[in-house]
Amino acid sequence: AAEDARQLQMKKDAEALAARLEHLNVEFTTKVGGDGRMFGTISPKEIEEGMKTQWDIVIDKRKFLDKFPANALGYTRLKIELYNGSAGKVIGIVNVHITEAK
């Protein structure tokens, strides 16, 4: 019973975090070539660090379901598995905003 209650609380916490993530943007700037393409990509590790420094949210990069990096200017929505246990599964979405460095 105690484990069920703990799992339910973890799921509720994950749902609250998912609701919070929905309204946040993790901001990045990057260099852009003459053709409008960005140099390099923003990796899940960089997104993890950005979430920690910009919003004080700690999520392990291994929880990202979308394994591809953010590699285009503008907004990219990436799925994160916030909870996966006996009480079900909670998927959150983080908005990554990439702009051109001036």
C-alpha atoms as a PDB file:
ATOM      1  CA  ALA A   1       0.000   0.000   0.000  1.00  0.00           C
ATOM      2  CA  ALA A   2       2.853   2.370   0.835  1.00  0.00           C
ATOM      3  CA  GLU A   3       4.517   1.643  -2.512  1.00  0.00           C
ATOM      4  CA  ASP A   4       1.238   2.293  -4.374  1.00  0.00           C
ATOM      5  CA  ALA A   5       0.878   5.615  -2.573  1.00  0.00           C
ATOM      6  CA  ARG A   6       4.493   6.516  -3.410  1.00  0.00           C
ATOM      7  CA  GLN A   7       3.988   5.627  -7.096  1.00  0.00           C
ATOM      8  CA  LEU A   8       0.781   7.685  -7.199  1.00  0.00           C
ATOM      9  CA  GLN A   9       2.592  10.676  -5.670  1.00  0.00           C
ATOM     10  CA  MET A  10       5.445  10.346  -8.173  1.00  0.00           C
ATOM     11  CA  LYS A  11       2.891  10.313 -11.000  1.00  0.00           C
ATOM     12  CA  LYS A  12       1.150  13.421  -9.616  1.00  0.00           C
ATOM     13  CA  ASP A  13       4.506  15.211  -9.338  1.00  0.00           C
ATOM     14  CA  ALA A  14       5.316  14.244 -12.939  1.00  0.00           C
ATOM     15  CA  GLU A  15       1.916  15.505 -14.132  1.00  0.00           C
ATOM     16  CA  ALA A  16       2.505  18.829 -12.363  1.00  0.00           C
ATOM     17  CA  LEU A  17       5.940  19.104 -13.982  1.00  0.00           C
ATOM     18  CA  ALA A  18       4.457  18.262 -17.409  1.00  0.00           C
ATOM     19  CA  ALA A  19       1.907  21.070 -16.989  1.00  0.00           C
ATOM     20  CA  ARG A  20       4.694  23.488 -16.004  1.00  0.00           C
ATOM     21  CA  LEU A  21       6.925  22.467 -18.935  1.00  0.00           C
ATOM     22  CA  GLU A  22       4.096  23.114 -21.395  1.00  0.00           C
ATOM     23  CA  HIS A  23       4.370  26.873 -20.732  1.00  0.00           C
ATOM     24  CA  LEU A  24       8.168  27.208 -20.639  1.00  0.00           C
ATOM     25  CA  ASN A  25      10.701  27.772 -23.400  1.00  0.00           C
ATOM     26  CA  VAL A  26      14.334  26.763 -23.126  1.00  0.00           C
ATOM     27  CA  GLU A  27      16.191  29.475 -25.053  1.00  0.00           C
ATOM     28  CA  PHE A  28      19.363  29.010 -27.102  1.00  0.00           C
ATOM     29  CA  THR A  29      21.263  31.201 -29.543  1.00  0.00           C
ATOM     30  CA  THR A  30      23.543  29.829 -32.223  1.00  0.00           C
ATOM     31  CA  LYS A  31      25.610  30.925 -35.192  1.00  0.00           C
ATOM     32  CA  VAL A  32      23.936  30.768 -38.563  1.00  0.00           C
ATOM     33  CA  GLY A  33      25.555  30.444 -41.982  1.00  0.00           C
ATOM     34  CA  GLY A  34      24.867  32.647 -44.975  1.00  0.00           C
ATOM     35  CA  ASP A  35      22.221  30.222 -46.231  1.00  0.00           C
ATOM     36  CA  GLY A  36      20.198  30.537 -42.995  1.00  0.00           C
ATOM     37  CA  ARG A  37      21.174  27.116 -41.644  1.00  0.00           C
ATOM     38  CA  MET A  38      22.535  26.811 -38.155  1.00  0.00           C
ATOM     39  CA  PHE A  39      26.008  25.491 -37.420  1.00  0.00           C
ATOM     40  CA  GLY A  40      25.786  22.291 -35.360  1.00  0.00           C
ATOM     41  CA  THR A  41      22.878  21.172 -33.218  1.00  0.00           C
ATOM     42  CA  ILE A  42      21.510  21.575 -29.705  1.00  0.00           C
ATOM     43  CA  SER A  43      21.903  18.164 -28.048  1.00  0.00           C
ATOM     44  CA  PRO A  44      19.673  16.655 -25.330  1.00  0.00           C
ATOM     45  CA  LYS A  45      22.583  17.224 -22.890  1.00  0.00           C
ATOM     46  CA  GLU A  46      22.601  20.944 -23.729  1.00  0.00           C
ATOM     47  CA  ILE A  47      18.808  21.069 -23.340  1.00  0.00           C
ATOM     48  CA  GLU A  48      19.142  19.316 -19.960  1.00  0.00           C
ATOM     49  CA  GLU A  49      21.690  21.948 -18.865  1.00  0.00           C
ATOM     50  CA  GLY A  50      19.548  24.778 -20.254  1.00  0.00           C
ATOM     51  CA  MET A  51      16.519  23.594 -18.294  1.00  0.00           C
ATOM     52  CA  LYS A  52      18.612  23.480 -15.133  1.00  0.00           C
ATOM     53  CA  THR A  53      20.177  26.943 -15.521  1.00  0.00           C
ATOM     54  CA  GLN A  54      17.147  28.758 -16.980  1.00  0.00           C
ATOM     55  CA  TRP A  55      14.287  27.176 -15.016  1.00  0.00           C
ATOM     56  CA  ASP A  56      15.908  25.166 -12.191  1.00  0.00           C
ATOM     57  CA  ILE A  57      14.318  21.975 -13.539  1.00  0.00           C
ATOM     58  CA  VAL A  58      16.441  18.834 -13.434  1.00  0.00           C
ATOM     59  CA  ILE A  59      15.577  16.132 -15.982  1.00  0.00           C
ATOM     60  CA  ASP A  60      17.999  13.435 -17.055  1.00  0.00           C
ATOM     61  CA  LYS A  61      18.872  13.605 -20.767  1.00  0.00           C
ATOM     62  CA  ARG A  62      18.159   9.857 -20.998  1.00  0.00           C
ATOM     63  CA  LYS A  63      14.475  10.622 -20.361  1.00  0.00           C
ATOM     64  CA  PHE A  64      14.157  12.359 -23.738  1.00  0.00           C
ATOM     65  CA  LEU A  65      12.044  10.182 -26.035  1.00  0.00           C
ATOM     66  CA  ASP A  66      13.019  12.179 -29.120  1.00  0.00           C
ATOM     67  CA  LYS A  67      16.642  11.167 -29.573  1.00  0.00           C
ATOM     68  CA  PHE A  68      17.271  13.658 -32.377  1.00  0.00           C
ATOM     69  CA  PRO A  69      18.877  16.976 -31.470  1.00  0.00           C
ATOM     70  CA  ALA A  70      17.252  20.344 -32.096  1.00  0.00           C
ATOM     71  CA  ASN A  71      18.833  21.452 -35.368  1.00  0.00           C
ATOM     72  CA  ALA A  72      16.637  24.212 -36.793  1.00  0.00           C
ATOM     73  CA  LEU A  73      15.956  27.823 -35.899  1.00  0.00           C
ATOM     74  CA  GLY A  74      12.605  28.501 -34.269  1.00  0.00           C
ATOM     75  CA  TYR A  75      10.693  26.206 -31.955  1.00  0.00           C
ATOM     76  CA  THR A  76      11.226  22.473 -31.531  1.00  0.00           C
ATOM     77  CA  ARG A  77       8.993  20.409 -29.251  1.00  0.00           C
ATOM     78  CA  LEU A  78      10.674  17.400 -27.661  1.00  0.00           C
ATOM     79  CA  LYS A  79       8.938  14.667 -25.651  1.00  0.00           C
ATOM     80  CA  ILE A  80      10.260  13.663 -22.238  1.00  0.00           C
ATOM     81  CA  GLU A  81       9.208  10.627 -20.223  1.00  0.00           C
ATOM     82  CA  LEU A  82       8.642  12.124 -16.784  1.00  0.00           C
ATOM     83  CA  TYR A  83       7.212   9.026 -15.146  1.00  0.00           C
ATOM     84  CA  ASN A  84       6.860   5.377 -16.097  1.00  0.00           C
ATOM     85  CA  GLY A  85       5.703   3.097 -13.328  1.00  0.00           C
ATOM     86  CA  SER A  86       2.903   1.006 -11.945  1.00  0.00           C
ATOM     87  CA  ALA A  87       0.498   3.987 -11.947  1.00  0.00           C
ATOM     88  CA  GLY A  88       0.956   4.561 -15.683  1.00  0.00           C
ATOM     89  CA  LYS A  89       3.077   6.843 -17.808  1.00  0.00           C
ATOM     90  CA  VAL A  90       3.481  10.629 -17.969  1.00  0.00           C
ATOM     91  CA  ILE A  91       4.966  12.281 -21.045  1.00  0.00           C
ATOM     92  CA  GLY A  92       5.922  15.961 -20.945  1.00  0.00           C
ATOM     93  CA  ILE A  93       6.840  18.275 -23.790  1.00  0.00           C
ATOM     94  CA  VAL A  94       9.645  20.808 -23.594  1.00  0.00           C
ATOM     95  CA  ASN A  95       9.740  23.739 -26.010  1.00  0.00           C
ATOM     96  CA  VAL A  96      13.206  24.536 -27.289  1.00  0.00           C
ATOM     97  CA  HIS A  97      13.567  27.977 -28.920  1.00  0.00           C
ATOM     98  CA  ILE A  98      16.651  28.576 -31.043  1.00  0.00           C
ATOM     99  CA  THR A  99      17.489  32.034 -32.341  1.00  0.00           C
ATOM    100  CA  GLU A 100      20.353  33.444 -34.361  1.00  0.00           C
ATOM    101  CA  ALA A 101      23.266  34.849 -32.385  1.00  0.00           C
ATOM    102  CA  LYS A 102      23.868  38.471 -33.408  1.00  0.00           C
END
